Amino acid sequence: MVEEQNPAVPLYHMVQKELWVAAKESNQPYFPPTYDQDGFIHLTADPAFLLGIGNHFYRSVGGDFLLLVLDPAKLTAKVVLEPAAAVGSKSAEGLVPDNAPREAEKTEPAPPLFPHLYGTIDYHAVQSELAIQRDADGVFLSIPGLVPGATGDPE
């Protein structure tokens, strides 16, 4: 199932701080390292998934990370809701637990859909940049400034 994103719901993107700052300072379009392989930028509309996403896909990636809070109405590239997908060579398998929220009307459980951005992140669409706290082992711990209670691993 492919749907378009609701333009009223903020979107979130985890980004390596060094790459984001370099793109902004050079006024170049931002694309994550896996864009060519994946064909889009991975986003989420549900902040409850953020730490789980960070720990699943980016725990072994060193350096500081930021969370970009995006206004989807200001993005010029198309945003499409699709099933969770691999980030580069890292599979999405196991990202969404079996007891993740699902639509009650469906008889067969369907995994949640994630927004995928088919183009760059427009700098004027970024509402805020939040630092992500990690421990010495690279575990994503919290995102200060994000709505309290909205950053835990999916349960």
C-alpha atoms as a PDB file:
ATOM      1  CA  MET A   1       0.000   0.000   0.000  1.00  0.00           C
ATOM      2  CA  VAL A   2       1.388   3.395  -0.980  1.00  0.00           C
ATOM      3  CA  GLU A   3      -0.144   6.589   0.366  1.00  0.00           C
ATOM      4  CA  GLU A   4       0.807  10.244   0.393  1.00  0.00           C
ATOM      5  CA  GLN A   5       1.873  11.889   3.662  1.00  0.00           C
ATOM      6  CA  ASN A   6      -0.493  14.133   5.625  1.00  0.00           C
ATOM      7  CA  PRO A   7       1.032  17.634   5.272  1.00  0.00           C
ATOM      8  CA  ALA A   8      -0.082  18.641   8.798  1.00  0.00           C
ATOM      9  CA  VAL A   9       1.992  15.973  10.602  1.00  0.00           C
ATOM     10  CA  PRO A  10       5.666  16.834  11.293  1.00  0.00           C
ATOM     11  CA  LEU A  11       8.239  14.479   9.839  1.00  0.00           C
ATOM     12  CA  TYR A  12      11.538  13.449  11.416  1.00  0.00           C
ATOM     13  CA  HIS A  13      14.918  12.538   9.947  1.00  0.00           C
ATOM     14  CA  MET A  14      17.989  11.358  11.863  1.00  0.00           C
ATOM     15  CA  VAL A  15      21.141  12.798  10.344  1.00  0.00           C
ATOM     16  CA  GLN A  16      24.857  12.630  11.003  1.00  0.00           C
ATOM     17  CA  LYS A  17      25.586  16.117  12.334  1.00  0.00           C
ATOM     18  CA  GLU A  18      28.862  16.450  10.410  1.00  0.00           C
ATOM     19  CA  LEU A  19      27.185  15.715   7.058  1.00  0.00           C
ATOM     20  CA  TRP A  20      24.240  18.015   7.725  1.00  0.00           C
ATOM     21  CA  VAL A  21      26.429  20.944   8.799  1.00  0.00           C
ATOM     22  CA  ALA A  22      28.748  20.480   5.788  1.00  0.00           C
ATOM     23  CA  ALA A  23      25.814  20.484   3.355  1.00  0.00           C
ATOM     24  CA  LYS A  24      24.284  23.604   4.929  1.00  0.00           C
ATOM     25  CA  GLU A  25      27.583  25.509   5.102  1.00  0.00           C
ATOM     26  CA  SER A  26      28.320  24.774   1.436  1.00  0.00           C
ATOM     27  CA  ASN A  27      24.696  25.480   0.469  1.00  0.00           C
ATOM     28  CA  GLN A  28      24.574  22.115  -1.311  1.00  0.00           C
ATOM     29  CA  PRO A  29      21.531  19.811  -1.363  1.00  0.00           C
ATOM     30  CA  TYR A  30      21.571  17.311   1.489  1.00  0.00           C
ATOM     31  CA  PHE A  31      21.451  13.622   0.656  1.00  0.00           C
ATOM     32  CA  PRO A  32      22.328  10.889   3.188  1.00  0.00           C
ATOM     33  CA  PRO A  33      25.156   8.469   2.318  1.00  0.00           C
ATOM     34  CA  THR A  34      22.665   5.736   1.352  1.00  0.00           C
ATOM     35  CA  TYR A  35      20.506   7.893  -0.967  1.00  0.00           C
ATOM     36  CA  ASP A  36      21.896   6.515  -4.238  1.00  0.00           C
ATOM     37  CA  GLN A  37      21.393   2.939  -3.040  1.00  0.00           C
ATOM     38  CA  ASP A  38      17.976   3.492  -1.429  1.00  0.00           C
ATOM     39  CA  GLY A  39      16.545   6.032  -3.889  1.00  0.00           C
ATOM     40  CA  PHE A  40      14.956   8.185  -1.174  1.00  0.00           C
ATOM     41  CA  ILE A  41      15.506   9.751   2.258  1.00  0.00           C
ATOM     42  CA  HIS A  42      14.095   7.762   5.182  1.00  0.00           C
ATOM     43  CA  LEU A  43      11.735   9.700   7.464  1.00  0.00           C
ATOM     44  CA  THR A  44       9.245   8.883  10.183  1.00  0.00           C
ATOM     45  CA  ALA A  45       6.053  10.616  11.231  1.00  0.00           C
ATOM     46  CA  ASP A  46       5.845   8.779  14.564  1.00  0.00           C
ATOM     47  CA  PRO A  47       8.408   9.952  17.131  1.00  0.00           C
ATOM     48  CA  ALA A  48       7.857   6.720  19.106  1.00  0.00           C
ATOM     49  CA  PHE A  49       9.976   4.916  16.504  1.00  0.00           C
ATOM     50  CA  LEU A  50      12.980   7.255  16.586  1.00  0.00           C
ATOM     51  CA  LEU A  51      15.262   5.634  19.149  1.00  0.00           C
ATOM     52  CA  GLY A  52      14.448   2.198  17.783  1.00  0.00           C
ATOM     53  CA  ILE A  53      15.358   3.409  14.292  1.00  0.00           C
ATOM     54  CA  GLY A  54      18.602   4.921  15.554  1.00  0.00           C
ATOM     55  CA  ASN A  55      19.611   1.780  17.412  1.00  0.00           C
ATOM     56  CA  HIS A  56      18.597  -0.528  14.568  1.00  0.00           C
ATOM     57  CA  PHE A  57      20.226   1.298  11.672  1.00  0.00           C
ATOM     58  CA  TYR A  58      22.826   3.715  13.046  1.00  0.00           C
ATOM     59  CA  ARG A  59      24.217   2.355  16.298  1.00  0.00           C
ATOM     60  CA  SER A  60      27.501   1.347  14.604  1.00  0.00           C
ATOM     61  CA  VAL A  61      27.827   4.732  12.862  1.00  0.00           C
ATOM     62  CA  GLY A  62      30.109   6.977  14.887  1.00  0.00           C
ATOM     63  CA  GLY A  63      29.776  10.667  15.540  1.00  0.00           C
ATOM     64  CA  ASP A  64      27.024  12.976  16.668  1.00  0.00           C
ATOM     65  CA  PHE A  65      23.506  12.772  15.282  1.00  0.00           C
ATOM     66  CA  LEU A  66      20.765  15.362  15.006  1.00  0.00           C
ATOM     67  CA  LEU A  67      17.044  14.942  14.646  1.00  0.00           C
ATOM     68  CA  LEU A  68      15.594  17.207  11.983  1.00  0.00           C
ATOM     69  CA  VAL A  69      11.968  18.164  12.581  1.00  0.00           C
ATOM     70  CA  LEU A  70      10.467  18.893   9.178  1.00  0.00           C
ATOM     71  CA  ASP A  71       7.397  20.779   8.007  1.00  0.00           C
ATOM     72  CA  PRO A  72       6.139  18.500   5.202  1.00  0.00           C
ATOM     73  CA  ALA A  73       4.209  21.362   3.593  1.00  0.00           C
ATOM     74  CA  LYS A  74       7.548  23.069   2.862  1.00  0.00           C
ATOM     75  CA  LEU A  75       9.206  20.054   1.236  1.00  0.00           C
ATOM     76  CA  THR A  76       9.367  20.340  -2.544  1.00  0.00           C
ATOM     77  CA  ALA A  77      10.159  16.659  -3.183  1.00  0.00           C
ATOM     78  CA  LYS A  78       7.418  14.030  -3.070  1.00  0.00           C
ATOM     79  CA  VAL A  79       6.792  12.192   0.223  1.00  0.00           C
ATOM     80  CA  VAL A  80       5.252   8.724  -0.058  1.00  0.00           C
ATOM     81  CA  LEU A  81       4.163   6.410   2.774  1.00  0.00           C
ATOM     82  CA  GLU A  82       5.599   2.942   2.203  1.00  0.00           C
ATOM     83  CA  PRO A  83       6.586  -0.119   4.232  1.00  0.00           C
ATOM     84  CA  ALA A  84       9.825   0.043   6.212  1.00  0.00           C
ATOM     85  CA  ALA A  85      12.810  -0.422   3.917  1.00  0.00           C
ATOM     86  CA  ALA A  86      16.489  -1.227   4.261  1.00  0.00           C
ATOM     87  CA  VAL A  87      18.892   1.639   4.894  1.00  0.00           C
ATOM     88  CA  GLY A  88      21.788   0.921   2.603  1.00  0.00           C
ATOM     89  CA  SER A  89      22.727  -2.703   3.254  1.00  0.00           C
ATOM     90  CA  LYS A  90      21.070  -2.811   6.716  1.00  0.00           C
ATOM     91  CA  SER A  91      17.753  -4.687   6.533  1.00  0.00           C
ATOM     92  CA  ALA A  92      14.595  -3.317   8.139  1.00  0.00           C
ATOM     93  CA  GLU A  93      13.853  -6.843   9.426  1.00  0.00           C
ATOM     94  CA  GLY A  94      13.104  -6.666  13.145  1.00  0.00           C
ATOM     95  CA  LEU A  95      12.689  -2.889  13.167  1.00  0.00           C
ATOM     96  CA  VAL A  96       8.945  -2.998  13.827  1.00  0.00           C
ATOM     97  CA  PRO A  97       7.973  -5.371  16.644  1.00  0.00           C
ATOM     98  CA  ASP A  98       5.030  -7.736  16.271  1.00  0.00           C
ATOM     99  CA  ASN A  99       2.947  -5.754  18.765  1.00  0.00           C
ATOM    100  CA  ALA A 100       3.341  -2.381  16.990  1.00  0.00           C
ATOM    101  CA  PRO A 101       0.129  -0.336  16.683  1.00  0.00           C
ATOM    102  CA  ARG A 102      -2.038  -1.508  13.807  1.00  0.00           C
ATOM    103  CA  GLU A 103      -5.295  -0.448  12.227  1.00  0.00           C
ATOM    104  CA  ALA A 104      -8.130  -2.120  14.176  1.00  0.00           C
ATOM    105  CA  GLU A 105     -10.360  -2.674  11.128  1.00  0.00           C
ATOM    106  CA  LYS A 106      -7.942  -4.951   9.298  1.00  0.00           C
ATOM    107  CA  THR A 107      -8.259  -8.683   9.730  1.00  0.00           C
ATOM    108  CA  GLU A 108      -4.648  -9.301   8.710  1.00  0.00           C
ATOM    109  CA  PRO A 109      -2.063  -7.258  10.607  1.00  0.00           C
ATOM    110  CA  ALA A 110      -0.269  -4.751   8.411  1.00  0.00           C
ATOM    111  CA  PRO A 111       3.047  -3.195   9.332  1.00  0.00           C
ATOM    112  CA  PRO A 112       3.152   0.579   9.782  1.00  0.00           C
ATOM    113  CA  LEU A 113       4.074   2.728   6.811  1.00  0.00           C
ATOM    114  CA  PHE A 114       6.986   5.158   6.821  1.00  0.00           C
ATOM    115  CA  PRO A 115       7.375   8.397   4.849  1.00  0.00           C
ATOM    116  CA  HIS A 116      10.053   8.292   2.143  1.00  0.00           C
ATOM    117  CA  LEU A 117      11.273  11.554   0.594  1.00  0.00           C
ATOM    118  CA  TYR A 118      12.116  11.258  -3.099  1.00  0.00           C
ATOM    119  CA  GLY A 119      14.515  14.198  -3.258  1.00  0.00           C
ATOM    120  CA  THR A 120      16.481  16.417  -0.938  1.00  0.00           C
ATOM    121  CA  ILE A 121      15.484  18.027   2.360  1.00  0.00           C
ATOM    122  CA  ASP A 122      14.803  21.708   1.729  1.00  0.00           C
ATOM    123  CA  TYR A 123      16.599  23.783   4.362  1.00  0.00           C
ATOM    124  CA  HIS A 124      13.584  26.071   4.857  1.00  0.00           C
ATOM    125  CA  ALA A 125      11.461  22.996   5.728  1.00  0.00           C
ATOM    126  CA  VAL A 126      13.535  22.295   8.858  1.00  0.00           C
ATOM    127  CA  GLN A 127      11.614  23.554  11.887  1.00  0.00           C
ATOM    128  CA  SER A 128      14.264  22.513  14.393  1.00  0.00           C
ATOM    129  CA  GLU A 129      17.476  20.554  14.829  1.00  0.00           C
ATOM    130  CA  LEU A 130      17.596  18.532  18.056  1.00  0.00           C
ATOM    131  CA  ALA A 131      20.716  16.880  19.454  1.00  0.00           C
ATOM    132  CA  ILE A 132      20.427  13.134  20.009  1.00  0.00           C
ATOM    133  CA  GLN A 133      22.073  11.723  23.124  1.00  0.00           C
ATOM    134  CA  ARG A 134      24.072   8.501  22.762  1.00  0.00           C
ATOM    135  CA  ASP A 135      26.244   6.525  25.140  1.00  0.00           C
ATOM    136  CA  ALA A 136      29.884   5.471  24.610  1.00  0.00           C
ATOM    137  CA  ASP A 137      28.723   2.298  22.826  1.00  0.00           C
ATOM    138  CA  GLY A 138      26.677   4.280  20.285  1.00  0.00           C
ATOM    139  CA  VAL A 139      23.287   3.450  21.832  1.00  0.00           C
ATOM    140  CA  PHE A 140      20.687   6.129  21.102  1.00  0.00           C
ATOM    141  CA  LEU A 141      19.327   7.172  24.510  1.00  0.00           C
ATOM    142  CA  SER A 142      17.129  10.249  24.181  1.00  0.00           C
ATOM    143  CA  ILE A 143      16.231  13.317  22.163  1.00  0.00           C
ATOM    144  CA  PRO A 144      15.970  16.317  24.496  1.00  0.00           C
ATOM    145  CA  GLY A 145      13.449  18.861  23.267  1.00  0.00           C
ATOM    146  CA  LEU A 146      11.189  16.322  21.607  1.00  0.00           C
ATOM    147  CA  VAL A 147       7.749  15.725  23.107  1.00  0.00           C
ATOM    148  CA  PRO A 148       8.336  13.851  26.425  1.00  0.00           C
ATOM    149  CA  GLY A 149       7.607  10.144  26.237  1.00  0.00           C
ATOM    150  CA  ALA A 150       7.709  10.140  22.446  1.00  0.00           C
ATOM    151  CA  THR A 151      11.233   8.856  21.977  1.00  0.00           C
ATOM    152  CA  GLY A 152      11.187   5.358  23.442  1.00  0.00           C
ATOM    153  CA  ASP A 153      11.846   2.183  21.529  1.00  0.00           C
ATOM    154  CA  PRO A 154       8.705   0.677  20.000  1.00  0.00           C
ATOM    155  CA  GLU A 155       7.117  -1.625  22.567  1.00  0.00           C
END
